[in-house]
Amino acid sequence: MNEPRLAPPPTTTAVAKAQAHNHADTVAEVAAAVARDSLVIVGMGWNPAVGTARRLLTAAGQAHTYLGYGNYLSGWRKRLAIKLWSGWPTYPQVFVHGRLVGGASDLRALIESGEFAALFAAGRTGG
């Protein structure tokens, strides 16, 4: 079941401008990596789920790009901007051929079901 998404609240021009520029360099860096690289993990230090996702891909023989932004005590503003951009509330954020597939547990489920291999292969062929 999908969680209902609320429409963004109406804002003033000043608020909209501030939102658009909120760590725009960081968001652009992530967006560029997601567009360029087949597998991208966005994460943070000290978060064991990030390490789990990276180990899952390594065990599957898949090289990936890792972008880390701080830890529980630092970098939270950049991570918040990324969360707002992606719409995903937690880390890691795993992207396969530009598609957000979720976090570590989601990645594990995809790999175990065989869906990851199909998704990766389809993205490689443009399907």
C-alpha atoms as a PDB file:
ATOM      1  CA  MET A   1       0.000   0.000   0.000  1.00  0.00           C
ATOM      2  CA  ASN A   2       1.331   3.404  -0.912  1.00  0.00           C
ATOM      3  CA  GLU A   3       1.393   6.096   1.705  1.00  0.00           C
ATOM      4  CA  PRO A   4      -0.612   9.124   0.595  1.00  0.00           C
ATOM      5  CA  ARG A   5       1.537  12.067  -0.438  1.00  0.00           C
ATOM      6  CA  LEU A   6       0.438  15.550   0.447  1.00  0.00           C
ATOM      7  CA  ALA A   7       0.562  18.315  -2.104  1.00  0.00           C
ATOM      8  CA  PRO A   8       3.251  20.837  -1.255  1.00  0.00           C
ATOM      9  CA  PRO A   9       1.892  23.730   0.761  1.00  0.00           C
ATOM     10  CA  PRO A  10       1.589  27.096  -0.932  1.00  0.00           C
ATOM     11  CA  THR A  11       4.651  29.228  -0.284  1.00  0.00           C
ATOM     12  CA  THR A  12       5.816  32.741  -0.817  1.00  0.00           C
ATOM     13  CA  THR A  13       8.319  33.518  -3.541  1.00  0.00           C
ATOM     14  CA  ALA A  14      11.047  33.966  -0.930  1.00  0.00           C
ATOM     15  CA  VAL A  15      10.386  30.521   0.579  1.00  0.00           C
ATOM     16  CA  ALA A  16      10.289  28.852  -2.848  1.00  0.00           C
ATOM     17  CA  LYS A  17      13.627  30.492  -3.706  1.00  0.00           C
ATOM     18  CA  ALA A  18      15.180  29.339  -0.421  1.00  0.00           C
ATOM     19  CA  GLN A  19      13.927  25.791  -1.022  1.00  0.00           C
ATOM     20  CA  ALA A  20      15.361  25.734  -4.525  1.00  0.00           C
ATOM     21  CA  HIS A  21      18.774  26.842  -3.272  1.00  0.00           C
ATOM     22  CA  ASN A  22      18.894  24.623  -0.162  1.00  0.00           C
ATOM     23  CA  HIS A  23      22.242  22.867  -0.583  1.00  0.00           C
ATOM     24  CA  ALA A  24      21.709  22.908  -4.338  1.00  0.00           C
ATOM     25  CA  ASP A  25      25.360  21.947  -4.885  1.00  0.00           C
ATOM     26  CA  THR A  26      24.924  18.748  -2.872  1.00  0.00           C
ATOM     27  CA  VAL A  27      21.656  17.848  -4.574  1.00  0.00           C
ATOM     28  CA  ALA A  28      23.249  18.518  -7.974  1.00  0.00           C
ATOM     29  CA  GLU A  29      26.176  16.254  -7.064  1.00  0.00           C
ATOM     30  CA  VAL A  30      23.824  13.409  -6.142  1.00  0.00           C
ATOM     31  CA  ALA A  31      21.592  13.959  -9.177  1.00  0.00           C
ATOM     32  CA  ALA A  32      24.625  13.923 -11.476  1.00  0.00           C
ATOM     33  CA  ALA A  33      25.934  10.663  -9.989  1.00  0.00           C
ATOM     34  CA  VAL A  34      22.488   9.053 -10.240  1.00  0.00           C
ATOM     35  CA  ALA A  35      22.203  10.110 -13.893  1.00  0.00           C
ATOM     36  CA  ARG A  36      25.763   9.033 -14.758  1.00  0.00           C
ATOM     37  CA  ASP A  37      26.399   5.835 -12.784  1.00  0.00           C
ATOM     38  CA  SER A  38      24.584   2.500 -12.863  1.00  0.00           C
ATOM     39  CA  LEU A  39      24.585   1.941  -9.102  1.00  0.00           C
ATOM     40  CA  VAL A  40      24.700   4.718  -6.520  1.00  0.00           C
ATOM     41  CA  ILE A  41      24.413   4.533  -2.758  1.00  0.00           C
ATOM     42  CA  VAL A  42      23.918   7.778  -0.864  1.00  0.00           C
ATOM     43  CA  GLY A  43      24.605   7.461   2.820  1.00  0.00           C
ATOM     44  CA  MET A  44      26.244   8.658   5.968  1.00  0.00           C
ATOM     45  CA  GLY A  45      28.873   7.511   8.421  1.00  0.00           C
ATOM     46  CA  TRP A  46      28.010   5.480  11.520  1.00  0.00           C
ATOM     47  CA  ASN A  47      24.829   4.125   9.912  1.00  0.00           C
ATOM     48  CA  PRO A  48      25.102   0.310   9.785  1.00  0.00           C
ATOM     49  CA  ALA A  49      22.434   0.041   7.060  1.00  0.00           C
ATOM     50  CA  VAL A  50      24.710   1.954   4.684  1.00  0.00           C
ATOM     51  CA  GLY A  51      27.476  -0.594   5.207  1.00  0.00           C
ATOM     52  CA  THR A  52      24.972  -3.407   4.717  1.00  0.00           C
ATOM     53  CA  ALA A  53      23.854  -2.021   1.352  1.00  0.00           C
ATOM     54  CA  ARG A  54      27.446  -1.602   0.200  1.00  0.00           C
ATOM     55  CA  ARG A  55      28.346  -5.162   1.277  1.00  0.00           C
ATOM     56  CA  LEU A  56      25.284  -6.555  -0.512  1.00  0.00           C
ATOM     57  CA  LEU A  57      26.375  -4.993  -3.792  1.00  0.00           C
ATOM     58  CA  THR A  58      29.986  -6.063  -3.301  1.00  0.00           C
ATOM     59  CA  ALA A  59      28.866  -9.646  -2.586  1.00  0.00           C
ATOM     60  CA  ALA A  60      26.760  -9.531  -5.751  1.00  0.00           C
ATOM     61  CA  GLY A  61      29.866  -8.471  -7.689  1.00  0.00           C
ATOM     62  CA  GLN A  62      28.463  -5.036  -8.447  1.00  0.00           C
ATOM     63  CA  ALA A  63      30.724  -2.001  -8.360  1.00  0.00           C
ATOM     64  CA  HIS A  64      28.941   1.119  -7.158  1.00  0.00           C
ATOM     65  CA  THR A  65      29.401   4.796  -6.500  1.00  0.00           C
ATOM     66  CA  TYR A  66      29.167   5.789  -2.860  1.00  0.00           C
ATOM     67  CA  LEU A  67      28.399   9.332  -1.773  1.00  0.00           C
ATOM     68  CA  GLY A  68      28.649   9.894   1.968  1.00  0.00           C
ATOM     69  CA  TYR A  69      27.464  13.003   3.753  1.00  0.00           C
ATOM     70  CA  GLY A  70      28.546  13.334   7.360  1.00  0.00           C
ATOM     71  CA  ASN A  71      27.346  11.185  10.235  1.00  0.00           C
ATOM     72  CA  TYR A  72      24.744  11.438  12.957  1.00  0.00           C
ATOM     73  CA  LEU A  73      26.469  14.538  14.345  1.00  0.00           C
ATOM     74  CA  SER A  74      27.368  16.358  11.129  1.00  0.00           C
ATOM     75  CA  GLY A  75      26.113  16.944   7.627  1.00  0.00           C
ATOM     76  CA  TRP A  76      22.446  16.705   8.533  1.00  0.00           C
ATOM     77  CA  ARG A  77      21.466  19.795   6.539  1.00  0.00           C
ATOM     78  CA  LYS A  78      22.907  18.343   3.336  1.00  0.00           C
ATOM     79  CA  ARG A  79      21.232  14.994   4.027  1.00  0.00           C
ATOM     80  CA  LEU A  80      17.921  16.737   4.619  1.00  0.00           C
ATOM     81  CA  ALA A  81      18.188  18.488   1.246  1.00  0.00           C
ATOM     82  CA  ILE A  82      18.834  15.110  -0.408  1.00  0.00           C
ATOM     83  CA  LYS A  83      15.833  13.578   1.370  1.00  0.00           C
ATOM     84  CA  LEU A  84      13.620  16.404   0.161  1.00  0.00           C
ATOM     85  CA  TRP A  85      14.923  15.933  -3.389  1.00  0.00           C
ATOM     86  CA  SER A  86      14.483  12.146  -3.458  1.00  0.00           C
ATOM     87  CA  GLY A  87      11.363  11.876  -1.322  1.00  0.00           C
ATOM     88  CA  TRP A  88      12.971   8.976   0.606  1.00  0.00           C
ATOM     89  CA  PRO A  89      13.066   9.487   4.390  1.00  0.00           C
ATOM     90  CA  THR A  90      16.063   7.349   5.390  1.00  0.00           C
ATOM     91  CA  TYR A  91      19.622   6.361   4.514  1.00  0.00           C
ATOM     92  CA  PRO A  92      20.986   4.663   2.607  1.00  0.00           C
ATOM     93  CA  GLN A  93      19.304   5.634  -0.620  1.00  0.00           C
ATOM     94  CA  VAL A  94      20.063   3.106  -3.343  1.00  0.00           C
ATOM     95  CA  PHE A  95      19.670   4.022  -7.017  1.00  0.00           C
ATOM     96  CA  VAL A  96      19.804   1.497  -9.864  1.00  0.00           C
ATOM     97  CA  HIS A  97      20.087   3.035 -13.324  1.00  0.00           C
ATOM     98  CA  GLY A  98      18.597   6.283 -12.043  1.00  0.00           C
ATOM     99  CA  ARG A  99      15.725   4.612 -10.195  1.00  0.00           C
ATOM    100  CA  LEU A 100      15.437   4.868  -6.412  1.00  0.00           C
ATOM    101  CA  VAL A 101      14.914   1.326  -5.119  1.00  0.00           C
ATOM    102  CA  GLY A 102      14.907   2.135  -1.401  1.00  0.00           C
ATOM    103  CA  GLY A 103      17.334   1.324   1.369  1.00  0.00           C
ATOM    104  CA  ALA A 104      19.366  -1.678   2.517  1.00  0.00           C
ATOM    105  CA  SER A 105      16.418  -3.925   3.382  1.00  0.00           C
ATOM    106  CA  ASP A 106      14.755  -3.082   0.061  1.00  0.00           C
ATOM    107  CA  LEU A 107      17.982  -3.864  -1.784  1.00  0.00           C
ATOM    108  CA  ARG A 108      18.322  -7.174   0.075  1.00  0.00           C
ATOM    109  CA  ALA A 109      14.752  -8.137  -0.890  1.00  0.00           C
ATOM    110  CA  LEU A 110      15.417  -7.249  -4.544  1.00  0.00           C
ATOM    111  CA  ILE A 111      18.600  -9.316  -4.618  1.00  0.00           C
ATOM    112  CA  GLU A 112      17.038 -12.325  -2.854  1.00  0.00           C
ATOM    113  CA  SER A 113      13.994 -12.325  -5.159  1.00  0.00           C
ATOM    114  CA  GLY A 114      16.123 -12.076  -8.305  1.00  0.00           C
ATOM    115  CA  GLU A 115      14.436  -8.807  -9.206  1.00  0.00           C
ATOM    116  CA  PHE A 116      17.678  -6.843  -8.769  1.00  0.00           C
ATOM    117  CA  ALA A 117      19.440  -8.790 -11.551  1.00  0.00           C
ATOM    118  CA  ALA A 118      16.504  -8.212 -13.893  1.00  0.00           C
ATOM    119  CA  LEU A 119      16.273  -4.516 -12.983  1.00  0.00           C
ATOM    120  CA  PHE A 120      20.005  -4.035 -13.457  1.00  0.00           C
ATOM    121  CA  ALA A 121      20.044  -5.882 -16.780  1.00  0.00           C
ATOM    122  CA  ALA A 122      16.989  -4.011 -18.055  1.00  0.00           C
ATOM    123  CA  GLY A 123      18.585  -0.676 -17.213  1.00  0.00           C
ATOM    124  CA  ARG A 124      21.778  -1.641 -19.019  1.00  0.00           C
ATOM    125  CA  THR A 125      19.836  -2.364 -22.188  1.00  0.00           C
ATOM    126  CA  GLY A 126      17.598   0.673 -21.830  1.00  0.00           C
ATOM    127  CA  GLY A 127      14.528  -1.451 -21.059  1.00  0.00           C
END
